[in-house]
């Protein structure tokens, strides 16, 4: 089984969490390349700002209610 690399995004997303913005991260997931109030707005802004395929997530203050799965 392949071990998934753990990435701490806390400091990166904190400025966007107060507004619950959607953020588009670069492929390396170490830089925010775009934001938006909606998922689609974040995608559109990412396409304008970069040629990379973004990693999208919603920046929220508390992730305790999120259930992640695959």
N, C-alpha and C. Protein backbone atom coordinates (compact mmCIF):
# COMPACT_ATOMS: atom_id res chain seq x y z
N UNK A 1 0.84 -1.18 0.00
CA UNK A 1 0.00 0.00 0.00
C UNK A 1 0.88 1.24 0.00
N UNK A 2 0.54 2.21 -0.82
CA UNK A 2 1.30 3.44 -0.93
C UNK A 2 0.88 4.41 0.17
N UNK A 3 1.87 4.98 0.83
CA UNK A 3 1.59 5.94 1.88
C UNK A 3 1.35 7.31 1.25
N UNK A 4 0.29 7.96 1.67
CA UNK A 4 -0.06 9.29 1.17
C UNK A 4 0.73 10.33 1.95
N UNK A 5 1.34 11.25 1.21
CA UNK A 5 2.11 12.32 1.84
C UNK A 5 1.17 13.29 2.55
N UNK A 6 1.46 13.54 3.80
CA UNK A 6 0.65 14.46 4.59
C UNK A 6 1.13 15.88 4.38
N UNK A 7 0.20 16.78 4.06
CA UNK A 7 0.53 18.19 3.83
C UNK A 7 -0.30 19.03 4.78
N UNK A 8 0.36 19.86 5.57
CA UNK A 8 -0.34 20.75 6.50
C UNK A 8 -0.63 22.07 5.78
N UNK A 9 -1.89 22.29 5.50
CA UNK A 9 -2.31 23.50 4.78
C UNK A 9 -2.85 24.59 5.70
N UNK A 10 -2.74 24.38 6.99
CA UNK A 10 -3.35 25.30 7.96
C UNK A 10 -2.97 26.75 7.71
N UNK A 11 -1.70 27.05 7.65
CA UNK A 11 -1.26 28.43 7.49
C UNK A 11 -1.59 28.99 6.12
N UNK A 12 -1.61 28.12 5.13
CA UNK A 12 -1.90 28.55 3.76
C UNK A 12 -3.36 28.96 3.58
N UNK A 13 -4.28 28.22 4.20
CA UNK A 13 -5.70 28.51 3.99
C UNK A 13 -6.32 29.44 5.02
N UNK A 14 -5.64 29.65 6.13
CA UNK A 14 -6.20 30.46 7.22
C UNK A 14 -6.73 31.82 6.75
N UNK A 15 -6.03 32.58 5.90
CA UNK A 15 -6.55 33.89 5.51
C UNK A 15 -7.88 33.83 4.74
N UNK A 16 -8.19 32.69 4.16
CA UNK A 16 -9.39 32.54 3.34
C UNK A 16 -10.55 31.89 4.10
N UNK A 17 -10.25 31.35 5.27
CA UNK A 17 -11.24 30.58 6.03
C UNK A 17 -12.34 31.44 6.63
N UNK A 18 -12.04 32.66 7.00
CA UNK A 18 -13.05 33.51 7.63
C UNK A 18 -14.23 33.78 6.69
N UNK A 19 -13.96 33.78 5.40
CA UNK A 19 -15.00 34.04 4.41
C UNK A 19 -15.51 32.75 3.76
N UNK A 20 -14.99 31.59 4.20
CA UNK A 20 -15.37 30.29 3.63
C UNK A 20 -15.19 30.26 2.11
N UNK A 21 -14.10 30.84 1.64
CA UNK A 21 -13.85 30.90 0.19
C UNK A 21 -13.38 29.54 -0.34
N UNK A 22 -13.66 29.33 -1.61
CA UNK A 22 -13.07 28.21 -2.32
C UNK A 22 -11.69 28.65 -2.77
N UNK A 23 -10.71 27.80 -2.63
CA UNK A 23 -9.36 28.14 -3.05
C UNK A 23 -8.85 27.11 -4.04
N UNK A 24 -8.07 27.60 -4.98
CA UNK A 24 -7.42 26.75 -5.97
C UNK A 24 -5.93 26.76 -5.66
N UNK A 25 -5.41 25.59 -5.37
CA UNK A 25 -3.99 25.45 -5.07
C UNK A 25 -3.25 24.99 -6.31
N UNK A 26 -1.96 25.33 -6.38
CA UNK A 26 -1.14 24.82 -7.48
C UNK A 26 -0.95 23.31 -7.30
N UNK A 27 -0.36 22.67 -8.29
CA UNK A 27 -0.20 21.22 -8.27
C UNK A 27 0.62 20.75 -7.08
N UNK A 28 1.61 21.52 -6.68
CA UNK A 28 2.44 21.16 -5.52
C UNK A 28 1.73 21.41 -4.19
N UNK A 29 0.59 22.05 -4.25
CA UNK A 29 -0.23 22.37 -3.09
C UNK A 29 0.51 23.21 -2.05
N UNK A 30 1.31 24.16 -2.53
CA UNK A 30 2.04 25.03 -1.62
C UNK A 30 1.77 26.52 -1.89
N UNK A 31 0.82 26.79 -2.83
CA UNK A 31 0.52 28.18 -3.18
C UNK A 31 -0.93 28.28 -3.63
N UNK A 32 -1.62 29.31 -3.17
CA UNK A 32 -2.98 29.58 -3.63
C UNK A 32 -2.88 30.37 -4.93
N UNK A 33 -3.45 29.81 -6.00
CA UNK A 33 -3.37 30.50 -7.29
C UNK A 33 -4.65 31.27 -7.62
N UNK A 34 -5.75 30.96 -6.91
CA UNK A 34 -7.00 31.67 -7.14
C UNK A 34 -7.97 31.39 -6.00
N UNK A 35 -8.96 32.26 -5.89
CA UNK A 35 -10.03 32.06 -4.90
C UNK A 35 -11.36 32.41 -5.55
N UNK A 36 -12.43 32.03 -4.87
CA UNK A 36 -13.76 32.38 -5.34
C UNK A 36 -14.79 32.11 -4.26
N UNK A 37 -15.90 32.79 -4.36
CA UNK A 37 -16.98 32.56 -3.40
C UNK A 37 -17.71 31.26 -3.70
N UNK A 38 -17.61 30.79 -4.95
CA UNK A 38 -18.20 29.52 -5.34
C UNK A 38 -17.12 28.64 -5.96
N UNK A 39 -17.42 27.35 -6.05
CA UNK A 39 -16.50 26.40 -6.67
C UNK A 39 -16.18 26.84 -8.10
N UNK A 40 -17.23 27.17 -8.86
CA UNK A 40 -17.05 27.54 -10.26
C UNK A 40 -16.24 28.83 -10.41
N UNK A 41 -16.46 29.78 -9.54
CA UNK A 41 -15.69 31.04 -9.58
C UNK A 41 -14.21 30.77 -9.33
N UNK A 42 -13.90 29.87 -8.40
CA UNK A 42 -12.51 29.53 -8.12
C UNK A 42 -11.86 28.86 -9.33
N UNK A 43 -12.60 27.97 -10.00
CA UNK A 43 -12.07 27.31 -11.21
C UNK A 43 -11.81 28.35 -12.30
N UNK A 44 -12.78 29.21 -12.54
CA UNK A 44 -12.64 30.22 -13.59
C UNK A 44 -11.46 31.14 -13.31
N UNK A 45 -11.30 31.56 -12.06
CA UNK A 45 -10.18 32.43 -11.70
C UNK A 45 -8.85 31.70 -11.82
N UNK A 46 -8.83 30.41 -11.51
CA UNK A 46 -7.60 29.63 -11.63
C UNK A 46 -7.19 29.51 -13.09
N UNK A 47 -8.16 29.33 -13.98
CA UNK A 47 -7.85 29.23 -15.41
C UNK A 47 -7.26 30.53 -15.93
N UNK A 48 -7.71 31.66 -15.39
CA UNK A 48 -7.19 32.97 -15.80
C UNK A 48 -5.77 33.19 -15.29
N UNK A 49 -5.47 32.65 -14.09
CA UNK A 49 -4.21 32.95 -13.41
C UNK A 49 -3.09 31.94 -13.67
N UNK A 50 -3.43 30.75 -14.16
CA UNK A 50 -2.40 29.71 -14.25
C UNK A 50 -2.77 28.68 -15.30
N UNK A 51 -1.75 28.01 -15.81
CA UNK A 51 -1.95 26.91 -16.75
C UNK A 51 -2.01 25.56 -16.05
N UNK A 52 -1.78 25.56 -14.74
CA UNK A 52 -1.78 24.32 -13.97
C UNK A 52 -3.19 23.81 -13.75
N UNK A 53 -3.31 22.50 -13.52
CA UNK A 53 -4.58 21.94 -13.10
C UNK A 53 -4.67 22.16 -11.59
N UNK A 54 -5.62 22.96 -11.14
CA UNK A 54 -5.66 23.30 -9.73
C UNK A 54 -6.24 22.18 -8.86
N UNK A 55 -5.86 22.23 -7.59
CA UNK A 55 -6.46 21.39 -6.56
C UNK A 55 -7.41 22.32 -5.81
N UNK A 56 -8.69 21.98 -5.82
CA UNK A 56 -9.69 22.88 -5.22
C UNK A 56 -10.19 22.36 -3.89
N UNK A 57 -10.41 23.29 -2.99
CA UNK A 57 -10.98 22.95 -1.69
C UNK A 57 -11.63 24.19 -1.11
N UNK A 58 -12.54 23.97 -0.19
CA UNK A 58 -13.16 25.11 0.48
C UNK A 58 -12.42 25.36 1.79
N UNK A 59 -12.03 26.60 1.98
CA UNK A 59 -11.34 26.99 3.21
C UNK A 59 -12.39 27.36 4.25
N UNK A 60 -12.48 26.57 5.29
CA UNK A 60 -13.43 26.83 6.37
C UNK A 60 -12.69 26.87 7.69
N UNK A 61 -13.29 27.47 8.68
CA UNK A 61 -12.62 27.61 9.98
C UNK A 61 -12.59 26.31 10.76
N UNK A 62 -13.56 25.43 10.54
CA UNK A 62 -13.63 24.21 11.32
C UNK A 62 -13.96 23.03 10.40
N UNK A 63 -13.06 22.08 10.31
CA UNK A 63 -13.25 20.91 9.45
C UNK A 63 -13.82 19.73 10.21
N UNK A 64 -14.26 19.92 11.44
CA UNK A 64 -14.71 18.80 12.25
C UNK A 64 -15.96 18.12 11.69
N UNK A 65 -16.73 18.83 10.87
CA UNK A 65 -17.94 18.22 10.31
C UNK A 65 -17.72 17.64 8.92
N UNK A 66 -16.51 17.74 8.39
CA UNK A 66 -16.21 17.20 7.07
C UNK A 66 -15.89 15.71 7.19
N UNK A 67 -16.46 14.96 6.29
CA UNK A 67 -16.16 13.53 6.21
C UNK A 67 -15.53 13.30 4.85
N UNK A 68 -14.29 12.86 4.85
CA UNK A 68 -13.57 12.64 3.61
C UNK A 68 -13.59 11.16 3.28
N UNK A 69 -13.69 10.86 2.04
CA UNK A 69 -13.69 9.46 1.62
C UNK A 69 -13.29 9.33 0.18
N UNK A 70 -13.22 8.11 -0.25
CA UNK A 70 -12.90 7.88 -1.66
C UNK A 70 -13.69 6.73 -2.18
